[in-house]
Protein backbone atom coordinates (compact mmCIF):
# COMPACT_ATOMS: atom_id res chain seq x y z
CA MET A 1 38.90 -29.65 128.64
CA ILE A 2 35.17 -29.66 129.32
CA ASN A 3 33.92 -31.30 132.49
CA LEU A 4 30.83 -33.10 131.19
CA GLN A 5 28.79 -33.22 134.39
CA PRO A 6 25.03 -33.85 134.12
CA VAL A 7 22.99 -30.68 134.03
CA LYS A 8 21.53 -30.04 137.47
CA ALA A 9 18.00 -29.11 138.42
CA LEU A 10 17.23 -25.59 139.42
CA HIS A 11 17.56 -26.31 143.15
CA GLY A 12 20.65 -28.53 142.72
CA THR A 13 24.29 -27.59 142.33
CA GLN A 14 24.99 -24.70 139.94
CA ILE A 15 26.79 -25.55 136.67
CA THR A 16 30.30 -24.14 136.91
CA HIS A 17 32.43 -26.73 135.19
CA ILE A 18 31.12 -26.40 131.63
CA PRO A 19 32.38 -23.21 129.96
CA PHE A 20 29.64 -23.28 127.35
CA MET A 21 26.98 -23.53 130.10
CA LYS A 22 28.13 -20.54 132.13
CA ASP A 23 24.92 -18.64 131.31
CA VAL A 24 22.62 -21.57 132.11
CA MET A 25 22.12 -21.98 135.86
CA GLY A 26 19.55 -24.76 135.83
CA ILE A 27 17.22 -26.97 133.85
CA VAL A 28 13.46 -27.14 133.69
CA ALA A 29 13.10 -30.33 135.65
CA LEU A 30 14.45 -33.79 136.12
CA PRO A 31 12.02 -36.29 134.60
CA GLY A 32 10.05 -38.21 137.14
CA LYS A 33 10.66 -35.72 139.97
CA VAL A 34 8.21 -32.97 139.11
CA GLY A 35 4.51 -32.89 139.64
CA ARG A 36 1.89 -30.44 138.56
CA ASP A 37 1.79 -28.80 141.96
CA ASN A 38 5.42 -27.78 142.01
CA LEU A 39 6.02 -27.46 138.26
CA SER A 40 5.50 -23.72 138.27
CA SER A 41 8.24 -23.11 140.81
CA SER A 42 10.56 -25.60 139.10
CA LEU A 43 10.36 -23.81 135.78
CA GLN A 44 11.85 -20.52 136.92
CA LEU A 45 14.65 -19.43 134.60
CA CYS A 46 17.94 -18.47 136.20
CA SER A 47 19.79 -16.83 133.35
CA ARG A 48 21.05 -13.47 132.22
CA ASN A 49 21.14 -11.44 128.99
CA PHE A 50 18.94 -13.80 126.96
CA SER A 51 16.54 -11.25 125.53
CA SER A 52 18.21 -11.32 122.12
CA CYS A 53 17.91 -15.11 121.62
CA SER A 54 16.04 -15.99 118.41
CA LEU A 55 16.07 -19.81 118.30
CA CYS A 56 12.99 -21.81 119.28
CA PRO A 57 12.15 -25.49 119.84
CA ASN A 58 11.56 -27.45 116.68
CA GLN A 59 8.18 -27.53 114.97
CA ASP A 60 7.08 -30.86 116.46
CA ASP A 61 7.43 -29.57 120.00
CA LYS A 62 5.63 -26.24 119.50
CA MET A 63 2.17 -27.72 120.03
CA TRP A 64 2.11 -26.73 123.66
CA LEU A 65 3.16 -23.11 122.87
CA ARG A 66 0.30 -22.13 120.58
CA GLU A 67 -1.94 -19.75 122.46
CA GLY A 68 -5.57 -20.55 122.44
CA ASN A 69 -5.22 -23.77 120.47
CA GLN A 70 -6.99 -26.14 122.87
CA ASP A 71 -7.23 -28.90 120.21
CA THR A 72 -3.50 -29.54 120.39
CA MET A 73 -3.41 -29.82 124.19
CA GLN A 74 -5.23 -32.85 125.57
CA SER A 75 -4.80 -31.76 129.17
CA GLY A 76 -2.50 -29.93 131.54
CA SER A 77 -0.83 -33.24 132.28
CA ASP A 78 -0.06 -33.73 128.60
CA SER A 79 1.47 -30.25 128.47
CA VAL A 80 3.69 -31.00 131.44
CA GLU A 81 4.87 -34.24 129.87
CA ALA A 82 5.64 -32.41 126.62
CA VAL A 83 7.73 -29.87 128.49
CA ILE A 84 9.64 -32.56 130.36
CA ARG A 85 10.13 -34.62 127.22
CA HIS A 86 11.56 -31.73 125.20
CA SER A 87 13.76 -30.53 128.06
CA LYS A 88 15.23 -34.00 128.37
CA LYS A 89 15.79 -34.16 124.61
CA LEU A 90 17.70 -30.87 124.60
CA GLU A 91 19.71 -31.91 127.63
CA ASN A 92 20.77 -35.18 125.97
CA GLU A 93 21.70 -33.39 122.75
CA MET A 94 23.92 -30.98 124.66
CA LYS A 95 25.59 -33.82 126.51
CA GLU A 96 26.23 -35.63 123.22
CA ILE A 97 27.82 -32.55 121.63
CA GLY A 98 29.87 -32.01 124.77
CA LEU A 99 31.26 -35.54 124.50
CA LYS A 100 32.22 -34.86 120.89
CA ILE A 101 34.05 -31.72 121.98
CA LYS A 102 35.99 -33.65 124.58
CA HIS A 103 36.83 -36.35 122.02
CA HIS A 104 38.24 -33.82 119.54
CA GLU A 105 40.13 -31.97 122.29
CA ASP A 106 41.76 -35.25 123.36
CA ASN A 107 42.70 -36.04 119.75
CA PHE A 108 44.10 -32.56 119.25
CA GLY A 109 46.22 -32.84 122.37
CA PHE A 110 47.55 -36.25 121.32
CA LEU A 111 48.51 -34.99 117.86
CA LYS A 112 50.25 -31.98 119.38
CA VAL A 113 52.43 -34.30 121.46
CA GLU A 114 53.20 -36.42 118.38
CA MET A 115 54.19 -33.31 116.41
CA ASN A 116 56.62 -32.29 119.13
CA LYS A 117 58.17 -35.78 119.17
CA LEU A 118 58.61 -35.77 115.39
CA ASP A 119 60.17 -32.30 115.45
CA GLY A 120 62.69 -33.54 118.02
CA SER A 121 63.55 -36.63 115.97
CA ILE A 122 63.97 -34.59 112.78
CA SER A 123 66.30 -32.19 114.57
CA ASP A 124 68.42 -35.08 115.90
CA ILE A 125 68.76 -36.66 112.44
CA GLN A 126 69.72 -33.36 110.86
CA VAL A 127 72.63 -33.21 113.30
CA GLU A 128 73.51 -36.83 112.47
CA LEU A 129 73.54 -36.14 108.71
CA GLY A 130 75.78 -33.15 109.28
CA LYS A 131 78.24 -35.34 111.19
CA TYR A 132 78.36 -37.89 108.36
CA LEU A 133 79.31 -35.22 105.84
CA SER A 134 81.78 -33.57 108.18
CA GLU A 135 83.57 -36.82 109.09
CA SER A 136 83.89 -37.86 105.44
CA GLY A 137 85.16 -34.45 104.40
CA THR A 138 82.39 -34.16 101.81
CA GLY A 139 79.50 -31.84 101.25
CA SER A 140 76.20 -31.83 99.48
CA GLU A 141 78.04 -31.65 96.16
CA ASN A 142 78.73 -35.39 96.44
CA LYS A 143 75.08 -36.26 96.44
CA GLU A 144 73.20 -36.71 93.19
CA SER A 145 73.81 -33.14 92.22
CA SER A 146 71.17 -31.16 90.39
CA ASN A 147 73.97 -28.92 89.08
CA GLY A 148 75.97 -31.54 87.19
CA GLN A 149 77.09 -30.60 83.67
CA ASN A 150 74.93 -33.25 82.05
CA GLU A 151 71.79 -32.00 83.79
CA GLU A 152 72.69 -28.44 82.91
CA GLU A 153 72.79 -29.46 79.27
CA THR A 154 69.30 -30.94 79.60
CA ILE A 155 68.06 -27.71 81.20
CA GLN A 156 69.55 -25.66 78.37
CA GLN A 157 67.79 -27.85 75.82
CA ILE A 158 64.49 -27.35 77.68
CA LEU A 159 65.01 -23.58 77.78
CA LYS A 160 65.26 -23.61 73.99
CA CYS A 161 61.59 -24.71 73.94
CA ASP A 162 60.74 -21.04 74.08
CA LYS A 163 57.00 -21.06 74.67
CA SER A 164 56.68 -24.29 76.67
CA ALA A 165 55.57 -24.84 80.25
CA ALA A 166 58.80 -26.78 80.91
CA GLY A 167 60.89 -23.84 79.67
CA ILE A 168 59.05 -21.41 81.93
CA TYR A 169 59.54 -23.77 84.89
CA CYS A 170 63.29 -24.09 84.29
CA GLN A 171 63.73 -20.33 84.06
CA LEU A 172 61.74 -19.78 87.27
CA LYS A 173 63.19 -22.75 89.18
CA PRO A 174 65.36 -20.63 91.57
CA GLN A 175 62.27 -18.62 92.57
CA ILE A 176 59.75 -21.45 92.96
CA ALA A 177 59.66 -21.21 96.77
CA ARG A 178 58.27 -17.67 96.42
CA LEU A 179 55.70 -18.51 93.73
CA PRO A 180 52.47 -20.02 95.16
CA SER A 181 51.30 -21.31 91.77
CA LEU A 182 54.48 -23.41 91.38
CA LYS A 183 55.14 -24.59 94.95
CA ASN A 184 53.27 -27.86 94.32
CA MET A 185 55.33 -28.66 91.22
CA MET A 186 57.95 -31.40 91.55
CA GLY A 187 59.62 -30.68 88.24
CA ILE A 188 59.80 -31.85 84.64
CA VAL A 189 59.86 -35.55 83.72
CA ALA A 190 63.23 -35.15 81.96
CA LEU A 191 64.80 -33.80 85.18
CA LEU A 192 63.27 -36.19 87.71
CA GLY A 193 65.27 -39.23 86.64
CA LYS A 194 68.86 -40.02 85.63
CA VAL A 195 70.49 -42.99 83.90
CA ASP A 196 73.96 -44.52 83.85
CA ASP A 197 74.29 -44.98 80.09
CA ASP A 198 74.04 -42.45 77.26
CA ASN A 199 72.46 -44.99 74.91
CA LEU A 200 69.84 -45.87 77.52
CA SER A 201 69.10 -42.18 78.07
CA ARG A 202 68.59 -41.65 74.35
CA ILE A 203 66.36 -44.69 73.79
CA LEU A 204 64.15 -44.18 76.88
CA SER A 205 63.71 -40.50 76.03
CA ASN A 206 62.82 -41.48 72.48
CA TYR A 207 60.34 -44.07 73.76
CA LEU A 208 58.50 -41.50 75.92
CA GLY A 209 58.55 -38.78 73.27
CA ARG A 210 59.17 -35.05 73.52
CA GLU A 211 55.74 -34.15 74.89
CA THR A 212 56.02 -36.57 77.83
CA MET A 213 59.66 -35.69 78.54
CA LEU A 214 58.55 -32.05 78.89
CA ALA A 215 55.52 -32.92 81.03
CA VAL A 216 55.05 -30.96 84.26
CA VAL A 217 54.81 -33.13 87.40
CA CYS A 218 52.74 -31.97 90.40
CA LYS A 219 52.25 -33.66 93.75
CA THR A 220 48.51 -33.11 94.11
CA HIS A 221 45.50 -31.99 92.10
CA ASP A 222 45.67 -28.59 93.83
CA GLY A 223 48.99 -28.02 92.08
CA LEU A 224 47.42 -28.85 88.74
CA GLU A 225 44.57 -26.38 89.30
CA ALA A 226 47.03 -23.64 90.27
CA LEU A 227 48.80 -23.88 86.90
CA GLU A 228 45.85 -22.77 84.82
CA LYS A 229 42.80 -20.65 85.65
CA TYR A 230 39.65 -20.00 83.61
CA ASP A 231 37.24 -17.10 83.30
CA LYS A 232 33.46 -17.37 83.71
CA ASP A 233 33.08 -18.36 80.05
CA GLY A 234 35.55 -21.23 80.35
CA PHE A 235 38.41 -19.54 78.49
CA ILE A 236 41.97 -19.63 79.83
CA ASP A 237 42.87 -16.65 82.02
CA LYS A 238 46.20 -15.62 80.48
CA SER A 239 47.00 -13.33 83.41
CA SER A 240 47.11 -16.04 86.10
CA GLY A 241 48.86 -19.32 86.82
CA LEU A 242 51.71 -20.45 84.59
CA HIS A 243 50.30 -18.40 81.71
CA GLY A 244 50.58 -15.20 83.73
CA LEU A 245 54.13 -16.00 84.87
CA GLY A 246 55.21 -16.75 81.30
CA ALA A 247 53.71 -13.54 79.96
CA SER A 248 55.41 -11.46 82.68
CA MET A 249 58.85 -12.76 81.64
CA GLY A 250 58.35 -12.54 77.89
CA ARG A 251 57.68 -16.26 77.39
CA PRO A 252 53.97 -16.47 76.54
CA LEU A 253 52.64 -20.00 76.91
CA ASN A 254 50.89 -20.79 73.65
CA ASP A 255 51.27 -24.57 73.39
CA ARG A 256 49.32 -27.31 75.10
CA PHE A 257 51.31 -29.12 77.78
CA VAL A 258 51.01 -32.34 79.73
CA VAL A 259 50.60 -32.26 83.52
CA ILE A 260 50.99 -35.42 85.61
CA CYS A 261 49.50 -35.46 89.11
CA VAL A 262 51.41 -38.05 91.17
CA GLN A 263 48.75 -38.26 93.87
CA ASN A 264 46.20 -39.45 91.28
CA LEU A 265 48.37 -42.22 89.79
CA SER A 266 47.70 -45.86 90.66
CA PRO A 267 50.96 -47.09 92.24
CA TYR A 268 52.73 -50.37 91.59
CA ALA A 269 51.03 -52.94 93.83
CA GLY A 270 53.75 -55.60 94.01
CA GLU A 271 56.80 -56.16 96.18
CA PHE A 272 60.12 -54.31 96.18
CA ILE A 273 63.59 -55.83 95.97
CA ALA A 274 64.62 -56.58 99.54
CA ASP A 275 67.15 -54.25 101.18
CA ASP A 276 67.56 -52.21 98.00
CA PRO A 277 68.36 -48.57 98.83
CA GLU A 278 67.09 -47.56 95.37
CA LYS A 279 63.69 -49.14 96.10
CA ARG A 280 63.57 -51.09 92.82
CA LEU A 281 60.45 -53.04 91.94
CA SER A 282 60.52 -56.81 92.28
CA ILE A 283 59.22 -57.71 88.82
CA LYS A 284 59.68 -61.27 87.53
CA LYS A 285 62.04 -61.57 84.57
CA PRO A 286 60.57 -62.71 81.25
CA ARG A 287 61.09 -66.43 80.66
CA TYR A 288 60.46 -68.88 77.87
CA LEU A 289 58.51 -72.08 78.49
CA ASN A 290 61.79 -73.83 79.29
CA ASP A 291 62.33 -71.25 82.07
CA GLU A 292 65.23 -69.53 80.30
CA VAL A 293 65.62 -65.74 80.36
CA PRO A 294 65.84 -64.25 76.82
CA SER A 295 69.34 -63.55 75.54
CA GLY A 296 70.35 -59.90 75.84
CA PHE A 297 67.74 -59.02 78.45
CA LEU A 298 69.17 -56.19 80.63
CA GLY A 299 66.27 -55.40 82.92
CA PHE A 300 63.13 -53.32 83.24
CA ALA A 301 63.26 -49.64 82.32
CA VAL A 302 61.46 -48.59 85.52
CA ASN A 303 64.34 -50.05 87.57
CA MET A 304 67.07 -48.55 85.38
CA ILE A 305 66.07 -44.97 86.19
CA ASN A 306 68.08 -43.44 89.05
CA ILE A 307 65.92 -41.26 91.28
CA ASP A 308 67.10 -38.65 93.75
CA SER A 309 66.71 -39.88 97.31
CA ALA A 310 64.33 -37.01 98.09
CA ASN A 311 61.85 -38.52 95.64
CA LEU A 312 62.35 -42.22 96.40
CA TYR A 313 60.19 -42.25 99.53
CA CYS A 314 57.09 -40.56 100.85
CA VAL A 315 56.28 -38.27 97.93
CA THR A 316 52.52 -38.86 98.14
CA SER A 317 50.24 -38.70 101.17
CA THR A 318 50.13 -42.52 101.12
CA GLY A 319 53.92 -42.80 101.37
CA HIS A 320 54.75 -43.75 97.78
CA GLY A 321 57.82 -42.56 95.87
CA LEU A 322 58.34 -41.63 92.23
CA ARG A 323 59.54 -45.05 91.08
CA GLU A 324 56.32 -46.90 91.89
CA THR A 325 54.09 -44.00 90.79
CA LEU A 326 55.41 -41.69 88.06
CA PHE A 327 57.98 -43.94 86.41
CA TYR A 328 55.85 -47.07 86.73
CA LYS A 329 53.08 -45.14 84.98
CA LEU A 330 55.47 -44.09 82.19
CA PHE A 331 57.29 -47.38 81.66
CA SER A 332 55.22 -50.09 83.36
CA ARG A 333 57.05 -53.39 82.59
CA LEU A 334 58.96 -52.08 79.59
CA GLN A 335 61.85 -54.49 78.89
CA VAL A 336 65.35 -53.37 77.87
CA TYR A 337 67.55 -55.49 75.58
CA LYS A 338 71.11 -55.15 74.37
CA THR A 339 70.35 -55.32 70.65
CA ARG A 340 67.39 -55.13 68.32
CA ALA A 341 68.00 -58.77 67.33
CA ASP A 342 67.76 -59.86 70.98
CA MET A 343 64.53 -57.90 71.36
CA LEU A 344 62.89 -59.39 68.26
CA GLN A 345 63.86 -62.89 69.34
CA ALA A 346 62.15 -62.30 72.69
CA LEU A 347 58.84 -61.18 71.14
CA PRO A 348 56.89 -64.18 72.58
CA VAL A 349 57.61 -63.00 76.15
CA ILE A 350 57.25 -59.23 75.63
CA THR A 351 53.96 -58.08 77.17
CA ASP A 352 54.37 -54.33 77.89
CA GLY A 353 56.75 -53.24 75.18
CA ALA A 354 60.53 -53.32 74.83
CA VAL A 355 63.49 -51.20 73.70
CA SER A 356 67.08 -52.02 72.71
CA LEU A 357 70.22 -49.96 73.23
CA ASP A 358 70.78 -49.78 69.48
CA GLY A 359 67.48 -47.98 68.91
CA GLY A 360 64.77 -50.62 68.64
CA ILE A 361 61.34 -49.73 70.06
CA ILE A 362 58.27 -51.96 70.41
CA LYS A 363 55.18 -50.47 72.02
CA SER A 364 52.97 -52.60 74.24
CA ASP A 365 50.26 -52.83 71.58
CA GLY A 366 52.64 -54.43 69.09
CA VAL A 367 53.46 -51.22 67.22
CA SER A 368 57.15 -50.89 66.31
CA PHE A 369 59.12 -47.74 65.51
CA LEU A 370 61.63 -47.80 62.64
CA GLY A 371 64.16 -45.29 61.37
CA GLU A 372 66.13 -42.76 63.43
CA ARG A 373 65.19 -39.66 65.39
CA ASP A 374 67.43 -36.97 66.79
CA VAL A 375 66.64 -36.76 70.53
CA GLU A 376 67.31 -33.34 72.06
CA ILE A 377 65.55 -33.68 75.44
CA LYS A 378 67.22 -36.61 77.25
CA PHE A 379 67.52 -37.88 80.81
CA PRO A 380 70.75 -36.61 82.42
CA LYS A 381 73.55 -39.00 83.29
CA SER A 382 73.93 -40.01 86.94
CA SER A 383 76.82 -38.51 88.88
CA GLY A 384 76.83 -41.18 91.59
CA ARG A 385 77.31 -41.01 95.35
CA SER A 386 80.52 -42.92 95.82
CA LYS A 387 82.06 -40.49 98.30
CA LEU A 388 79.15 -40.47 100.70
CA PRO A 389 79.39 -42.48 103.96
CA GLU A 390 77.82 -45.93 103.83
CA ASN A 391 75.05 -45.12 106.33
CA TYR A 392 74.22 -41.75 104.83
CA LEU A 393 71.50 -43.01 102.48
CA SER A 394 69.60 -44.94 105.16
CA THR A 395 69.75 -41.96 107.53
CA GLU A 396 68.60 -39.65 104.76
CA ARG A 397 65.71 -42.00 104.04
CA GLN A 398 64.77 -42.00 107.72
CA MET A 399 64.71 -38.21 107.63
CA LYS A 400 62.40 -38.27 104.59
CA GLU A 401 60.00 -40.67 106.32
CA LEU A 402 59.91 -38.55 109.49
CA LYS A 403 59.13 -35.42 107.49
CA TRP A 404 56.37 -37.30 105.68
CA LYS A 405 54.89 -38.43 109.01
CA ARG A 406 55.03 -34.86 110.28
CA GLU A 407 53.13 -33.62 107.21
CA ARG A 408 50.42 -36.25 107.77
CA CYS A 409 50.28 -35.39 111.48
CA PHE A 410 49.90 -31.69 110.68
CA GLU A 411 47.05 -32.48 108.27
CA ASP A 412 45.31 -34.54 110.99
CA LEU A 413 45.85 -31.68 113.45
CA GLN A 414 44.17 -29.20 111.11
CA ARG A 415 41.28 -31.61 110.53
CA GLU A 416 40.74 -32.11 114.28
CA GLN A 417 40.83 -28.34 114.81
CA GLY A 418 38.09 -27.91 112.22
CA LEU A 419 35.95 -30.65 113.79
CA LEU A 420 36.48 -29.14 117.25
CA ASP A 421 35.47 -25.66 116.08
CA HIS A 422 32.38 -27.11 114.39
CA ALA A 423 31.35 -29.02 117.53
CA LYS A 424 31.75 -25.89 119.68
CA LEU A 425 29.59 -23.93 117.25
CA ASN A 426 26.91 -26.62 117.43
CA PHE A 427 27.06 -26.50 121.22
CA GLU A 428 26.53 -22.74 121.27
CA THR A 429 23.60 -23.08 118.87
CA LYS A 430 22.01 -25.80 120.97
CA LYS A 431 22.59 -23.77 124.13
CA ARG A 432 20.70 -20.81 122.68
CA GLU A 433 17.87 -23.12 121.67
CA PHE A 434 17.81 -24.54 125.19
CA ILE A 435 17.68 -21.08 126.80
CA LYS A 436 14.86 -20.00 124.49
CA PHE A 437 12.99 -23.14 125.43
CA LEU A 438 13.38 -22.34 129.14
CA GLU A 439 12.05 -18.83 128.63
CA ASP A 440 9.00 -19.95 126.65
CA SER A 441 8.15 -22.99 128.75
CA SER A 442 8.53 -21.19 132.09
CA SER A 443 5.94 -18.52 131.33
CA TYR A 444 3.59 -20.90 129.51
CA VAL A 445 3.49 -23.73 132.05
CA SER A 446 3.12 -21.26 134.92
CA ALA A 447 -0.05 -20.00 133.26
CA VAL A 448 -1.33 -23.55 132.65
CA VAL A 449 -0.77 -24.72 136.21
CA ASN A 450 -2.28 -21.60 137.75
């Protein structure tokens, strides 16, 4: 820490408590305590190794340094006052920067302590989660497995899309941790949600369409930029990003593909269903004027998607999960009905589109889809978590929140380090300016007084 003591006069106590001031042994004068008779002796510079300094006082304060320019110097007294005024200005600026340094050092120290606390809490919860699984005689295979047969079928269907971004991602998925251009990717839309019913999977996948189901999902805009690079003429650089990875494995990426950046999505702004471990959105049911809910209404699509616990909480830097960001963006308040007849009867209360389990689709703008379509890319079916201990989910959620807080704390720590380094650089620059001022003013005022 920096001891921000006032800078002493030449004949006062030497400055030893400010590391950045170790080369500056005194100051020109203390305002109000120097007269013309003793100014010469008060302006002696006690410093070392300053011959290489190149910074000078600013342009406004150079009037008293111009040799032979008597028009800019009203009198010797005016020159003395100019010297004192500028010395005080530099002194105050150095004090101000020093206070900023201390402020950032204090913040940095506080964040370091918080990081250590969070690391300890995360370690404790990891032990607790291990005990839950051990006591129940279960392992991670009882969680919403990413290796279930139904999901594997979805992955195989995606891999058949030979020259797609989603196909390249699925083939490289085991190696993502070692690939910088893919580390920010969360996955493919079709693999980020599961449903309990095959009919629901088919109709929701049909509603979104193949292009959206194969969309790549990134956490931040940095992840989006890493997927595709451009040359100086604006053309795609086929040797970098996802294009380069695809070419290296014999899967050249020739098609356009959709990328969704979760951090840039506007999240759902309403309430959540109280005490719901799945963090479902509290959306009011559609009702007729007589307050009745339409016959056959099953719920809202956004709440009928099952999301892995790792993505339910704290996916974005603001703490939001995939339900209120990604899936709310995709489905909004899309209503789900049992039959097409139920859906058509409820038309007066359908505002953001609707689907029925027997294949009916109404878009939010009133456009309906007729006929049949074979859906190949579908949401996998949920495997459930019935064998997990009752408190496992809440503990797992707590772990996710702690890791999210640690990420935010680390970001703040890096920001404070940058601000601290910048303030120290400013201090060194101002110190050199101050030393140059002492050199110039000492020789000049000595000549004026004598």
